[in-house]
Amino acid sequence: MIYITGDCHQDFERFNIDVFPEQKEMTKDDCVIICGDFGGVWNRNEESSREAKLMDWLENRPFTTLFVDGNHENFDRLYAYPVEKWHGGKVHKIRPSVIHLMRGQVFEIDGKSIFAFGGASSHDIAGGILEPDDPDFKKKKKKLDQGWYPYRVNHVSWWKQELPSEEEMQEGIENLAAHDNKVDFIVTHCCASSTQTLLGGGLYKTDILTEYHEKIRQNTSFKKWFFGHYHDNRNVNMEEILIYEQMIRIW
């Protein structure tokens, strides 16, 4: 079985057995995929006691937890985990069965092919990105706090790796080509530019990643595309599904 859900931001209540009773019939061969903003790797320098408890709790679920990265992840720590091969693609294992699906990889899971590509632009940075070593950091932070302007702090609550590198995007193109540009499912955090326009009617700006997804959308055959990021549950069309709190079985 394969289930899919949206952004968690370190809140994993939906994985409780009372909320998700279907897990009673699941094993570690079954998976739940999170469409980004996992949040389980967030503390600045090392795993906090809270994170350790949450990751151990997820590890003890009867299923395997998979996630693509969102824009709200600590990429300094996430990318420090050893790169391993799992079901045909590259991963970071937070725990043996809590696994980050790296960008541009195609995974073979329960007989289905899944293209994974995390990342997105942060929308909550109208106040800008502050540098923690800036001599005026406290002054700038105080001003933004007083004005209720949303901002982020570099390497504390924001990382440039929220958007992909050229190497990650090229690897994704090459891996899809190796599968004849045909997969069963695509799992991302944000969506293609044209899909984003349907969602927001101009509210959201395009960027290098939404344009990349647009290229993938135009050149790849897929059955369903699942994404998070926009905090809603919505069937954009027959193939593209925005998911947030829901838990959907896709196979």
Protein backbone atom coordinates (compact mmCIF):
# COMPACT_ATOMS: atom_id res chain seq x y z
CA MET A 1 0.00 0.00 0.00
CA ILE A 2 1.04 3.58 -0.66
CA TYR A 3 -0.59 6.52 1.10
CA ILE A 4 0.18 10.19 0.57
CA THR A 5 -0.31 13.33 2.64
CA GLY A 6 0.74 16.99 2.73
CA ASP A 7 2.83 19.36 4.83
CA CYS A 8 3.43 18.35 8.45
CA HIS A 9 5.74 21.04 9.86
CA GLN A 10 6.79 18.62 12.63
CA ASP A 11 3.15 17.92 13.57
CA PHE A 12 2.62 14.19 13.08
CA GLU A 13 -0.74 13.84 14.86
CA ARG A 14 -2.34 12.55 11.67
CA PHE A 15 -0.18 9.41 11.97
CA ASN A 16 -1.78 8.42 15.28
CA ILE A 17 -3.64 5.15 15.02
CA ASP A 18 -6.91 6.78 16.09
CA VAL A 19 -6.67 9.23 13.18
CA PHE A 20 -5.13 6.81 10.70
CA PRO A 21 -6.56 3.38 11.64
CA GLU A 22 -5.65 1.96 8.23
CA GLN A 23 -2.13 1.44 9.55
CA LYS A 24 -3.39 -1.58 11.50
CA GLU A 25 -3.22 -3.48 8.22
CA MET A 26 0.16 -2.06 7.16
CA THR A 27 3.74 -3.33 7.38
CA LYS A 28 7.13 -1.74 6.78
CA ASP A 29 6.70 -2.72 3.12
CA ASP A 30 3.88 -0.16 2.96
CA CYS A 31 4.60 3.56 2.72
CA VAL A 32 3.21 6.95 3.61
CA ILE A 33 4.70 9.78 1.52
CA ILE A 34 4.76 13.39 2.78
CA CYS A 35 4.73 16.09 0.07
CA GLY A 36 7.31 18.33 1.71
CA ASP A 37 7.67 20.54 4.79
CA PHE A 38 8.33 17.43 6.83
CA GLY A 39 9.93 19.51 9.59
CA GLY A 40 11.40 16.59 11.48
CA VAL A 41 14.94 17.81 10.78
CA TRP A 42 14.75 21.42 11.90
CA ASN A 43 16.78 22.23 15.03
CA ARG A 44 19.76 24.37 14.07
CA ASN A 45 22.86 22.31 14.85
CA GLU A 46 21.81 18.85 15.98
CA GLU A 47 18.81 16.66 16.64
CA SER A 48 16.88 18.04 19.62
CA SER A 49 15.32 15.80 22.25
CA ARG A 50 11.89 16.62 20.81
CA GLU A 51 13.01 15.67 17.31
CA ALA A 52 14.57 12.44 18.58
CA LYS A 53 11.32 11.44 20.27
CA LEU A 54 9.29 12.27 17.16
CA MET A 55 11.63 10.41 14.81
CA ASP A 56 11.71 7.39 17.11
CA TRP A 57 7.92 7.50 17.31
CA LEU A 58 7.66 7.54 13.48
CA GLU A 59 10.19 4.73 13.28
CA ASN A 60 7.91 2.66 15.50
CA ARG A 61 4.90 3.10 13.19
CA PRO A 62 4.07 -0.13 11.30
CA PHE A 63 4.70 1.60 7.93
CA THR A 64 7.66 3.34 6.29
CA THR A 65 7.57 7.15 6.29
CA LEU A 66 8.90 8.83 3.14
CA PHE A 67 9.14 12.54 2.40
CA VAL A 68 10.30 14.98 -0.23
CA ASP A 69 11.76 18.16 1.21
CA GLY A 70 9.80 21.39 1.29
CA ASN A 71 11.06 24.92 1.77
CA HIS A 72 10.80 24.66 5.58
CA GLU A 73 13.58 22.16 6.25
CA ASN A 74 17.03 22.53 7.81
CA PHE A 75 19.05 21.76 4.69
CA ASP A 76 22.39 22.08 6.50
CA ARG A 77 21.48 19.05 8.58
CA LEU A 78 19.32 17.22 6.06
CA TYR A 79 22.05 17.19 3.41
CA ALA A 80 24.61 16.07 6.00
CA TYR A 81 23.07 12.60 6.25
CA PRO A 82 24.89 9.95 4.20
CA VAL A 83 23.50 9.41 0.71
CA GLU A 84 22.20 5.86 0.27
CA LYS A 85 20.44 3.94 -2.49
CA TRP A 86 16.91 2.76 -1.77
CA HIS A 87 14.39 1.27 -4.21
CA GLY A 88 16.33 2.62 -7.19
CA GLY A 89 16.98 6.20 -6.04
CA LYS A 90 19.11 8.27 -3.69
CA VAL A 91 17.89 8.91 -0.15
CA HIS A 92 18.85 10.22 3.28
CA LYS A 93 17.79 7.90 6.09
CA ILE A 94 16.77 9.84 9.20
CA ARG A 95 15.84 6.50 10.71
CA PRO A 96 15.81 3.08 9.01
CA SER A 97 12.18 3.62 7.99
CA VAL A 98 12.00 7.44 8.05
CA ILE A 99 13.49 8.37 4.70
CA HIS A 100 14.09 11.55 2.68
CA LEU A 101 13.55 11.03 -1.05
CA MET A 102 16.19 13.14 -2.75
CA ARG A 103 15.46 15.43 -5.67
CA GLY A 104 15.31 14.12 -9.20
CA GLN A 105 15.12 10.44 -8.28
CA VAL A 106 12.83 7.75 -9.62
CA PHE A 107 11.82 5.13 -7.07
CA GLU A 108 10.22 1.74 -7.64
CA ILE A 109 7.83 1.17 -4.74
CA ASP A 110 5.29 -1.65 -4.59
CA GLY A 111 5.46 -2.05 -8.35
CA LYS A 112 4.91 1.65 -9.05
CA SER A 113 7.40 4.21 -10.36
CA ILE A 114 7.55 7.53 -8.49
CA PHE A 115 9.49 10.64 -9.52
CA ALA A 116 10.35 12.76 -6.47
CA PHE A 117 11.48 16.38 -6.47
CA GLY A 118 11.27 18.53 -3.35
CA GLY A 119 11.78 22.24 -2.74
CA ALA A 120 9.82 25.48 -3.17
CA SER A 121 10.13 29.22 -2.73
CA SER A 122 9.18 30.52 0.71
CA HIS A 123 6.16 32.83 0.59
CA ASP A 124 6.53 34.08 4.17
CA ILE A 125 9.58 36.33 3.71
CA ALA A 126 8.10 39.75 2.93
CA GLY A 127 10.41 41.22 5.59
CA GLY A 128 13.47 39.66 3.95
CA ILE A 129 16.22 37.27 5.02
CA LEU A 130 18.30 38.37 8.00
CA GLU A 131 21.93 37.37 8.48
CA PRO A 132 22.59 36.21 12.07
CA ASP A 133 26.12 37.65 12.06
CA ASP A 134 24.95 41.09 10.89
CA PRO A 135 26.02 43.70 13.51
CA ASP A 136 22.54 45.21 13.18
CA PHE A 137 20.74 41.86 13.41
CA LYS A 138 18.96 42.58 16.71
CA LYS A 139 17.93 46.06 15.60
CA LYS A 140 16.53 44.79 12.29
CA LYS A 141 14.80 41.86 13.95
CA LYS A 142 13.15 44.13 16.53
CA LYS A 143 11.87 46.45 13.82
CA LEU A 144 10.40 43.58 11.83
CA ASP A 145 8.84 42.04 14.94
CA GLN A 146 7.23 45.34 15.86
CA GLY A 147 5.80 45.71 12.38
CA TRP A 148 4.61 42.10 12.21
CA TYR A 149 6.54 41.59 8.97
CA PRO A 150 7.24 37.92 8.17
CA TYR A 151 10.95 37.25 7.81
CA ARG A 152 13.46 34.41 8.02
CA VAL A 153 17.00 34.05 9.34
CA ASN A 154 19.67 32.53 7.11
CA HIS A 155 20.80 29.07 8.28
CA VAL A 156 18.33 29.28 11.18
CA SER A 157 14.89 29.34 9.57
CA TRP A 158 15.75 29.73 5.86
CA TRP A 159 18.19 28.08 3.47
CA LYS A 160 18.99 28.89 -0.14
CA GLN A 161 18.74 25.17 -0.90
CA GLU A 162 14.96 25.51 -0.78
CA LEU A 163 15.40 25.92 -4.54
CA PRO A 164 17.30 23.29 -6.54
CA SER A 165 20.75 23.36 -8.02
CA GLU A 166 21.39 22.91 -11.74
CA GLU A 167 22.88 19.51 -10.94
CA GLU A 168 19.72 18.33 -9.17
CA MET A 169 17.50 19.48 -12.02
CA GLN A 170 19.72 17.88 -14.65
CA GLU A 171 19.82 14.61 -12.72
CA GLY A 172 16.04 14.62 -12.65
CA ILE A 173 15.87 15.06 -16.43
CA GLU A 174 18.37 12.26 -16.96
CA ASN A 175 16.63 9.87 -14.57
CA LEU A 176 13.27 10.47 -16.25
CA ALA A 177 14.86 9.91 -19.66
CA ALA A 178 16.22 6.58 -18.40
CA HIS A 179 12.58 5.65 -17.69
CA ASP A 180 11.45 6.82 -21.14
CA ASN A 181 9.90 9.91 -19.52
CA LYS A 182 7.11 7.80 -18.10
CA VAL A 183 6.26 7.22 -14.42
CA ASP A 184 3.16 6.31 -12.47
CA PHE A 185 3.31 9.14 -9.94
CA ILE A 186 5.09 12.45 -9.44
CA VAL A 187 5.53 13.77 -5.89
CA THR A 188 6.75 17.33 -5.28
CA HIS A 189 6.30 20.18 -2.82
CA CYS A 190 5.36 23.02 -5.18
CA CYS A 191 3.81 22.53 -8.62
CA ALA A 192 4.24 23.57 -12.25
CA SER A 193 3.85 27.25 -13.20
CA SER A 194 0.62 26.73 -15.15
CA THR A 195 -0.85 24.67 -12.31
CA GLN A 196 0.14 27.36 -9.81
CA THR A 197 -1.69 29.94 -11.94
CA LEU A 198 -4.85 27.85 -11.74
CA LEU A 199 -4.48 27.70 -7.97
CA GLY A 200 -3.71 31.33 -7.24
CA GLY A 201 -4.75 33.33 -10.27
CA GLY A 202 -1.52 35.32 -10.15
CA LEU A 203 -1.11 35.29 -6.37
CA TYR A 204 2.04 33.15 -6.56
CA LYS A 205 5.16 34.09 -8.50
CA THR A 206 6.85 31.68 -10.85
CA ASP A 207 10.45 30.72 -10.17
CA ILE A 208 13.16 28.39 -11.42
CA LEU A 209 11.48 25.39 -9.79
CA THR A 210 7.89 25.98 -10.95
CA GLU A 211 9.29 26.50 -14.46
CA TYR A 212 11.28 23.26 -14.13
CA HIS A 213 8.12 21.44 -13.04
CA GLU A 214 6.35 22.94 -16.05
CA LYS A 215 8.97 21.38 -18.29
CA ILE A 216 8.50 18.05 -16.53
CA ARG A 217 4.73 18.37 -16.85
CA GLN A 218 4.96 18.96 -20.60
CA ASN A 219 7.44 16.18 -21.33
CA THR A 220 6.57 13.37 -18.92
CA SER A 221 3.77 10.84 -19.03
CA PHE A 222 2.28 10.32 -15.55
CA LYS A 223 -0.97 9.13 -13.98
CA LYS A 224 -1.12 11.45 -10.97
CA TRP A 225 0.95 14.36 -9.63
CA PHE A 226 0.70 15.06 -5.89
CA PHE A 227 2.05 18.23 -4.26
CA GLY A 228 1.73 20.21 -1.03
CA HIS A 229 3.02 23.70 -0.13
CA TYR A 230 -0.20 25.67 -0.68
CA HIS A 231 -2.01 24.37 2.43
CA ASP A 232 -5.22 23.15 0.85
CA ASN A 233 -6.87 19.94 -0.33
CA ARG A 234 -7.91 20.33 -3.95
CA ASN A 235 -8.12 18.39 -7.18
CA VAL A 236 -6.70 20.96 -9.59
CA ASN A 237 -7.58 18.70 -12.51
CA MET A 238 -7.85 14.97 -13.20
CA GLU A 239 -4.08 14.43 -12.87
CA GLU A 240 -2.79 17.06 -10.43
CA ILE A 241 -3.77 16.96 -6.77
CA LEU A 242 -2.93 19.47 -4.05
CA ILE A 243 -2.93 17.79 -0.66
CA TYR A 244 -2.61 19.06 2.90
CA GLU A 245 -4.07 17.26 5.94
CA GLN A 246 -5.75 14.43 4.07
CA MET A 247 -4.34 10.90 3.92
CA ILE A 248 -5.06 9.37 0.51
CA ARG A 249 -4.36 5.81 -0.56
CA ILE A 250 -2.93 5.92 -4.08
CA TRP A 251 -2.07 2.22 -4.43
